[in-house]
Amino acid sequence: MRVYSTLTKTKEPFQTVRPGEVGIYLCGPTVYKSPHIGHMVGPVIFDVVKRYLVFKGFRVTWVVNITDVEDKLIEASVRLGATVEELARKYSAEYLEVLRDMGVDQVDHFPRATDHISGIVEMCATLMEKGFAYAVGGNLYFDVSKDEDYGRLSRRKLDDQEVGLRDLEGKGKRNPADFALWKSVKAGEPGWDAPWGRGRPGWHIECSAMAMKLLGESFDIHGGGMDLLFPHHENEIAQSECASGKVLARYWMHNGLTRIKTKLASGEWADEKMSGSIGNVVSARDLLTTHGPEVMRYFLLSTHYRSPIEFTEKSLSDAAKGYASLARALDRGDRVNGGQAVAGDMKVGLDAAVPMQARLIGLGAEFVAAMDDDFNTAGAIAALHQMASELNKAPETGELVAATAFVRGWGRTVLGLFQFAAGKPGGDDELAGKLMSLIIELRADARKNKNYAVADQIRKGLEGAGVTLEDRAGETEWRRK
């Protein structure tokens, strides 16, 4: 296995801190609003990363934090007339619900910043004792000039650090790039007691304290979106390694950002990062309702995690078609299995002496090679489609059932696909069944009379209504998406 680390900008052999164990920390959301699809990218990717590492035999601990005290959350509470705790509770629940519905079920810990205040205060005190932090008016700052390696993740020189930083967060700082470890409390804000004054933690120190508490002073993988590389992850490295004297994470994995076309005031369209601050976000819940979790998961995994995800109607439509082609191939094996879904099993005993089964075994090796190459899910999905092509050519015999178990096993166990039951062929509503029989008959007549435009119009119209047609030998089945 080789993993690309943003810190070194190279693919490196995967070697763990502790033999046979992997610790992963992924930066989660600040819970001040409903989750959008951009919030799902990291969790889906790292859900697959953990699944694959477990498949490879590692014992994996995966942590995703929830930031429940931070500037944006406080600002939202004032604007909405609710307490910080109320907003955090509401949007945390929404976030966790969407993760569950997306099939992200591999997370071991969801720590909340407010549950780790004592550890944060302790870490701040350590940085003060070692001369890396100083207090001014109840605020505590990290002195970046004391860290000789500061800027090595983002490749920024200290003189350039003002660019991209948040507000200076108070006066009395020694350097413009110094960042807040602890902020003095203002009226109406949540606060905790500390030796240098009552206040609340800075954003960066929260993640460091939670990661080190749950995974140790050194762990294997730290992940997040490219937008967190600076200043958040740069500052995490600085404060953590200055406090402990140890390397925080061996591999820094940053996923590409979701991009969407936004209409400008001039009337022109621009390809921009999906961001709450811009206001061009798309609700995760709405997308799940419209497209379903399987298609959304397939969509997010169809691009290599380091590349931007282009969010367009066409890309979603292509994902729906791609996923449907895999599902149809698996359906053949399920039918031969008496209508019961074949359980996924990559270890099913395929016979290398049988040509089709030998080809599947080879494609399984290609799947592994793709995942070994920096968790290339796009390459793994390509191998999955080649497997599906073999299923489509296979005769409907017992051999197909075993092959279906093999293919479904790779998709479900590693990629987390095929977790949810597909729509029942023919549906389960009597009236809908009669109406669909009539529509299918009209479409068949149109095709018989070579009126393909009408036949295609019927199919597309049904797809828009959430109904998929599947043409088989001598019949057409339909199912709700």
Foldseek 3Di string as FASTA:
>chain_A
DWAAFLLVRDTHAADWPDPQEAEEEEEAEAQQDADFLQRVLVLLLVLLVVLVSVVVRGHYAYEYEYEQAADVLCVSCVVVVHASVVSSVVRVVNVVVLCVQLLSDPHDYYHYLVVQQVLLLVLLVLCVVLPQWDDDPLWIWGNVVVQPCQPSSVVDDLVPQLPPDDPCLDDDDPGSNIDTQWHADDPSGDWDDHPSHITGGHPQSSSLSVSCVVANLEGEEYEYAPSCSPPRVSVSQRSSCSSVVDGHYPGYYHFYFEWEWDQDPVRDIDTGGDDVVVPNTHRSVVCCVQQNSQLSLQLSLLAFRNHYRYDDPVSSVVSSVLSVLLVVLQQLLCVLVVVHRQAADLPQDFDCVDVLSVVLVVLVVQLVVCCSRNHNSSSNSVSLSVLSVSSVPDPSDPNSSSSSNNSVNSCCSNSVHPPDDFFDWQHDDPVVSVVVVVLQVVLVVCVVVVVVVVNVVSQVVVVSVQKHWDDDVPDIIIGGD
